[in-house]
Protein backbone atom coordinates (compact mmCIF):
# COMPACT_ATOMS: atom_id res chain seq x y z
CA MET A 1 -10.80 26.27 -17.49
CA ALA A 2 -7.97 24.83 -15.40
CA ALA A 3 -6.53 27.05 -12.70
CA SER A 4 -3.13 28.61 -13.40
CA ARG A 5 -0.13 28.03 -11.18
CA SER A 6 -0.47 31.55 -9.76
CA ASP A 7 -3.70 30.33 -8.16
CA PHE A 8 -1.91 27.68 -6.11
CA GLY A 9 -0.96 29.96 -3.22
CA ARG A 10 -4.41 31.55 -3.14
CA LEU A 11 -6.05 28.13 -2.95
CA LEU A 12 -3.78 27.10 -0.08
CA HIS A 13 -4.53 30.28 1.85
CA ASP A 14 -8.28 30.16 1.24
CA TRP A 15 -8.62 26.50 2.16
CA ARG A 16 -6.40 26.95 5.22
CA ASP A 17 -8.70 29.75 6.41
CA ARG A 18 -11.72 27.51 5.83
CA LEU A 19 -10.60 24.50 7.88
CA SER A 20 -11.64 24.43 11.55
CA PRO A 21 -8.74 23.69 13.94
CA ALA A 22 -11.00 21.28 15.84
CA ASP A 23 -11.67 19.26 12.67
CA ALA A 24 -7.91 19.03 12.15
CA GLY A 25 -7.30 17.81 15.71
CA PHE A 26 -6.05 21.08 17.22
CA PRO A 27 -7.60 22.62 20.36
CA ALA A 28 -9.59 25.79 19.83
CA THR A 29 -8.07 28.67 21.82
CA ALA A 30 -9.30 32.15 22.57
CA GLY A 31 -6.14 33.77 21.24
CA ARG A 32 -6.76 32.91 17.59
CA ARG A 33 -7.11 35.94 15.32
CA ALA A 34 -8.55 33.89 12.42
CA PRO A 35 -10.99 30.95 12.45
CA GLY A 36 -8.92 28.63 10.27
CA LEU A 37 -5.61 26.83 10.56
CA ARG A 38 -2.42 28.67 11.30
CA ARG A 39 0.33 28.29 8.74
CA GLU A 40 2.49 26.34 11.18
CA GLU A 41 -0.39 23.92 11.83
CA LEU A 42 -0.80 23.22 8.13
CA ALA A 43 2.94 22.68 7.87
CA GLN A 44 2.83 20.23 10.78
CA LEU A 45 -0.06 18.26 9.29
CA ALA A 46 1.55 18.08 5.86
CA GLY A 47 5.04 17.28 7.13
CA LEU A 48 6.54 20.42 5.56
CA SER A 49 8.49 23.37 6.89
CA VAL A 50 6.61 26.53 7.79
CA ASP A 51 8.92 28.51 5.52
CA TYR A 52 8.10 26.27 2.55
CA VAL A 53 4.35 26.65 3.13
CA LEU A 54 4.82 30.43 3.32
CA ARG A 55 6.75 30.46 0.05
CA LEU A 56 4.08 28.31 -1.61
CA GLU A 57 1.32 30.67 -0.48
CA GLN A 58 3.28 33.70 -1.67
CA GLY A 59 4.08 32.10 -5.02
CA ARG A 60 7.83 32.18 -4.38
CA ALA A 61 8.15 28.36 -4.35
CA LYS A 62 7.42 26.87 -7.76
CA ASN A 63 6.65 23.36 -9.04
CA PRO A 64 5.72 21.46 -5.85
CA SER A 65 5.90 17.70 -6.32
CA ALA A 66 2.85 15.42 -6.50
CA GLN A 67 3.88 14.10 -3.08
CA VAL A 68 3.81 17.60 -1.56
CA VAL A 69 0.50 18.48 -3.21
CA GLY A 70 -1.04 15.21 -1.99
CA ALA A 71 0.15 15.88 1.55
CA LEU A 72 -1.32 19.39 1.47
CA ALA A 73 -4.64 18.07 0.08
CA ARG A 74 -4.89 15.57 2.94
CA ALA A 75 -3.93 18.18 5.54
CA LEU A 76 -6.53 20.61 4.20
CA GLN A 77 -9.20 17.86 4.11
CA LEU A 78 -10.07 18.59 0.50
CA SER A 79 -12.72 16.78 -1.48
CA ARG A 80 -11.60 14.73 -4.49
CA ALA A 81 -12.63 17.55 -6.82
CA GLU A 82 -10.67 20.11 -4.76
CA ARG A 83 -7.69 17.77 -4.59
CA ASP A 84 -7.71 17.56 -8.38
CA GLN A 85 -8.01 21.35 -8.62
CA LEU A 86 -4.95 21.77 -6.38
CA HIS A 87 -2.95 19.35 -8.57
CA ARG A 88 -3.90 21.25 -11.72
CA ALA A 89 -2.98 24.56 -10.04
CA ALA A 90 0.48 23.06 -9.43
CA GLY A 91 0.76 22.07 -13.10
CA LEU A 92 0.28 18.37 -12.30
CA LEU A 93 -2.12 15.73 -13.53
CA PRO A 94 -4.59 14.65 -10.82
CA PRO A 95 -4.20 11.07 -9.49
CA GLN A 96 -5.77 8.47 -11.76
CA ASP A 97 -8.67 6.29 -10.60
CA ALA A 98 -6.84 3.12 -11.68
CA THR A 99 -4.18 3.62 -9.01
CA ILE A 100 -4.32 3.41 -5.23
CA SER A 101 -5.47 6.71 -3.78
CA THR A 102 -3.57 8.34 -0.94
CA HIS A 103 -6.39 10.83 -0.43
CA VAL A 104 -8.06 10.86 3.00
CA SER A 105 -11.59 12.25 2.75
CA PRO A 106 -12.70 15.08 5.07
CA GLY A 107 -15.18 12.77 6.81
CA VAL A 108 -12.51 10.17 7.61
CA GLN A 109 -10.16 12.90 8.88
CA ARG A 110 -12.85 14.42 11.10
CA LEU A 111 -13.63 10.99 12.52
CA ALA A 112 -9.95 10.27 13.16
CA ALA A 113 -9.38 13.70 14.72
CA ARG A 114 -12.20 13.08 17.18
CA LEU A 115 -10.49 9.88 18.30
CA GLY A 116 -7.50 11.82 19.50
CA ASP A 117 -7.38 10.03 22.86
CA VAL A 118 -6.36 6.74 21.22
CA PRO A 119 -3.55 5.88 18.80
CA ILE A 120 -4.95 5.87 15.27
CA GLY A 121 -3.29 5.55 11.88
CA VAL A 122 -4.89 5.65 8.43
CA PHE A 123 -3.51 3.30 5.78
CA THR A 124 -4.13 3.02 2.05
CA ALA A 125 -4.97 -0.22 0.23
CA ASP A 126 -1.26 -1.11 -0.02
CA TRP A 127 -0.76 -0.46 3.72
CA THR A 128 1.02 2.85 3.30
CA LEU A 129 0.50 5.10 6.33
CA VAL A 130 -0.89 8.46 5.18
CA TRP A 131 -2.39 9.96 8.36
CA TRP A 132 -1.66 9.53 12.07
CA ASN A 133 -2.21 11.38 15.33
CA SER A 134 0.07 12.30 18.22
CA MET A 135 -0.95 9.20 20.17
CA TRP A 136 0.19 7.01 17.27
CA CYS A 137 3.58 8.73 17.47
CA ALA A 138 3.68 8.18 21.24
CA LEU A 139 3.00 4.46 20.82
CA HIS A 140 4.89 3.60 17.63
CA GLY A 141 7.32 6.48 17.12
CA ASP A 142 6.93 9.39 14.72
CA PRO A 143 6.58 8.22 11.08
CA ALA A 144 7.57 11.69 9.87
CA GLY A 145 11.19 10.67 10.41
CA LEU A 146 10.89 8.00 7.72
CA PRO A 147 11.10 8.53 3.95
CA VAL A 148 7.59 8.46 2.49
CA ALA A 149 8.22 5.18 0.64
CA GLU A 150 9.20 3.55 3.96
CA ARG A 151 5.94 4.42 5.73
CA ASN A 152 4.57 1.07 4.66
CA LEU A 153 3.58 -1.78 6.94
CA ALA A 154 4.61 -4.49 4.47
CA ARG A 155 8.08 -2.97 4.22
CA ALA A 156 8.25 -2.80 8.02
CA LEU A 157 7.34 -6.50 8.31
CA PHE A 158 9.25 -7.97 5.37
CA GLY A 159 11.84 -5.39 4.30
CA ASP A 160 15.32 -4.64 5.59
CA GLY A 161 15.36 -0.84 5.34
CA PRO A 162 14.42 2.10 7.57
CA ALA A 163 10.81 0.91 8.02
CA ARG A 164 12.01 -2.38 9.49
CA ALA A 165 14.55 -0.65 11.71
CA ALA A 166 11.89 1.76 13.07
CA LEU A 167 9.33 -0.96 13.84
CA ARG A 168 8.95 -1.42 17.59
CA PRO A 169 8.63 -5.06 18.69
CA VAL A 170 5.00 -6.20 18.49
CA ARG A 171 3.48 -9.53 19.58
CA SER A 172 0.09 -10.52 18.23
CA GLU A 173 -2.17 -12.94 20.06
CA ARG A 174 -2.74 -14.69 16.72
CA GLY A 175 1.00 -15.09 16.25
CA GLU A 176 3.48 -13.30 14.02
CA GLU A 177 2.87 -15.63 11.07
CA ALA A 178 -0.88 -15.02 10.99
CA PHE A 179 -0.45 -11.26 11.05
CA ALA A 180 2.22 -11.30 8.33
CA ALA A 181 0.07 -13.60 6.20
CA SER A 182 -2.90 -11.22 6.47
CA ILE A 183 -0.85 -8.27 5.23
CA ALA A 184 0.50 -10.29 2.28
CA ALA A 185 -3.05 -11.37 1.44
CA ASP A 186 -4.22 -7.77 1.54
CA LEU A 187 -1.47 -6.76 -0.89
CA LYS A 188 -2.37 -9.60 -3.23
CA ASP A 189 -6.00 -8.49 -3.18
CA ALA A 190 -4.96 -4.87 -3.82
CA ALA A 191 -2.78 -5.98 -6.74
CA SER A 192 -5.77 -7.70 -8.32
CA ARG A 193 -7.88 -4.55 -7.95
CA TYR A 194 -5.19 -2.05 -8.98
CA PRO A 195 -3.17 -3.84 -11.69
CA ALA A 196 -2.00 -0.52 -13.17
CA ASP A 197 -0.57 0.82 -9.90
CA ALA A 198 3.19 1.00 -10.48
CA ARG A 199 4.04 1.75 -6.85
CA LEU A 200 2.24 -1.36 -5.64
CA GLY A 201 3.72 -3.46 -8.44
CA ASN A 202 7.25 -2.35 -7.53
CA LEU A 203 6.61 -3.04 -3.83
CA VAL A 204 5.39 -6.58 -4.49
CA GLN A 205 8.24 -7.31 -6.90
CA GLU A 206 10.78 -5.99 -4.40
CA LEU A 207 9.46 -8.01 -1.47
CA ARG A 208 9.00 -11.22 -3.46
CA GLY A 209 12.63 -10.93 -4.53
CA THR A 210 14.16 -10.08 -1.15
CA SER A 211 11.95 -11.75 1.47
CA ASP A 212 11.45 -15.52 1.58
CA ALA A 213 8.70 -15.02 4.15
CA PHE A 214 6.77 -12.64 1.92
CA ALA A 215 7.18 -14.90 -1.10
CA ARG A 216 5.83 -17.85 0.92
CA HIS A 217 2.83 -15.89 2.22
CA TRP A 218 2.16 -14.44 -1.24
CA ALA A 219 2.03 -17.92 -2.75
CA THR A 220 -0.49 -19.17 -0.19
CA ALA A 221 -2.40 -15.93 0.43
CA THR A 222 -6.05 -16.27 1.39
CA LEU A 223 -7.99 -13.08 2.00
CA ALA A 224 -9.76 -12.93 5.38
CA PRO A 225 -11.44 -10.09 7.28
CA HIS A 226 -9.42 -8.34 9.96
CA VAL A 227 -10.69 -9.04 13.46
CA THR A 228 -10.05 -7.47 16.84
CA GLU A 229 -6.90 -8.90 18.36
CA GLN A 230 -4.69 -8.04 21.28
CA LYS A 231 -1.22 -6.78 20.47
CA THR A 232 1.63 -6.18 22.86
CA ILE A 233 3.98 -3.37 21.89
CA ARG A 234 7.41 -3.14 23.50
CA HIS A 235 7.70 0.59 24.20
CA PRO A 236 11.24 1.89 24.86
CA GLU A 237 10.11 4.05 27.81
CA ILE A 238 7.15 2.30 29.48
CA GLY A 239 7.82 -1.33 28.57
CA ASP A 240 5.18 -3.76 27.31
CA ILE A 241 1.69 -2.39 26.71
CA SER A 242 -1.11 -4.76 25.61
CA LEU A 243 -3.94 -3.17 23.65
CA ASP A 244 -6.90 -4.22 21.51
CA CYS A 245 -6.16 -3.49 17.87
CA ASP A 246 -9.07 -2.90 15.48
CA VAL A 247 -9.01 -2.31 11.74
CA LEU A 248 -11.94 -0.19 10.58
CA VAL A 249 -12.46 -0.11 6.81
CA ALA A 250 -13.77 2.89 4.85
CA PRO A 251 -14.84 1.06 1.66
CA ASP A 252 -15.60 4.09 -0.53
CA ALA A 253 -12.13 5.52 0.11
CA ASP A 254 -10.41 2.10 0.32
CA LEU A 255 -8.75 3.10 3.57
CA ARG A 256 -7.98 1.20 6.79
CA LEU A 257 -8.21 2.97 10.14
CA VAL A 258 -6.10 1.14 12.73
CA THR A 259 -6.92 1.93 16.36
CA TYR A 260 -5.52 0.79 19.73
CA THR A 261 -7.67 0.84 22.87
CA ALA A 262 -7.72 -0.62 26.38
CA ALA A 263 -10.62 -1.41 28.71
CA ALA A 264 -11.27 1.29 31.31
CA GLY A 265 -9.54 0.55 34.60
CA ALA A 266 -7.12 -1.98 33.14
CA THR A 267 -3.41 -1.68 33.87
CA ASP A 268 -2.71 -1.04 30.21
CA ALA A 269 -5.32 1.75 30.17
CA GLY A 270 -3.13 3.47 32.74
CA LYS A 271 -0.10 3.03 30.48
CA LEU A 272 -2.10 4.51 27.60
CA ASP A 273 -2.93 7.48 29.84
CA LEU A 274 0.78 7.86 30.58
CA LEU A 275 1.53 7.96 26.86
CA ARG A 276 -1.16 10.59 26.46
CA VAL A 277 0.45 12.80 29.10
CA THR A 278 4.11 12.28 28.22
CA GLY A 279 3.87 11.74 24.47
CA GLY A 280 5.87 8.56 24.97
CA ARG A 281 8.82 10.30 26.58
CA THR A 282 9.79 9.73 30.21
CA ALA A 283 9.89 12.95 32.18
CA THR A 284 13.34 13.84 33.50
CA THR A 285 14.45 16.23 36.22
CA PRO A 286 16.76 19.02 35.01
CA PRO A 287 20.26 18.83 36.54
């Protein structure tokens, strides 16, 4: 029997208590009174306010959206079956298999959390960013400030909205055209595999109608594997930083893990260390 909505808060609380802070990317400290995540940590991971999470757990906040439930499922590192249970507890239909999943499996999240020393972002098949760490924010800026629909790499490259405005200048050793063409090809491949996905269909229709560059790349798209390439990001505080960019694919989940690294001892490794210490913000002396 499906869980009732009154179970939603209990599920959140139980699964929050179950998740190890280390698996979620938080340092384990001696002062913790419970083994699981604190409420504020869950709120941070899901991009929600602490007060809203509290009201959800207490049953005072009703009818959370599918977007909120999906964010909580990712933050809690739920299995697909648990994700579906959480949706049903919220009175929602679970995501359908014919559409692009935004679910990040526990294994992928644990792997990403253990790579906390390097910038890493997790993207879905339509290049929507669904998970990132603090180093990603330090390098690229915090995606939490963008509307969810704008956390999409294709919109950042070809659109003219907030995603484009937030994109920091990036030079690829393969050239801007090659990188843009690879993203268009990926979207065309995703469209062939998820023909019923309305979000992807709307994205493609929008970009084909508003971007001549996207329309040109779409027409000539040829799928090719992503390879390691050097990218130079113009950071507003530390200037240019050149890093090796790798795209690691999790086939079962249809996710792309994008990482940035630098060889030990290189000048840019030092800049990456600076980002790690400062979070991308230049230290200032109080007046």
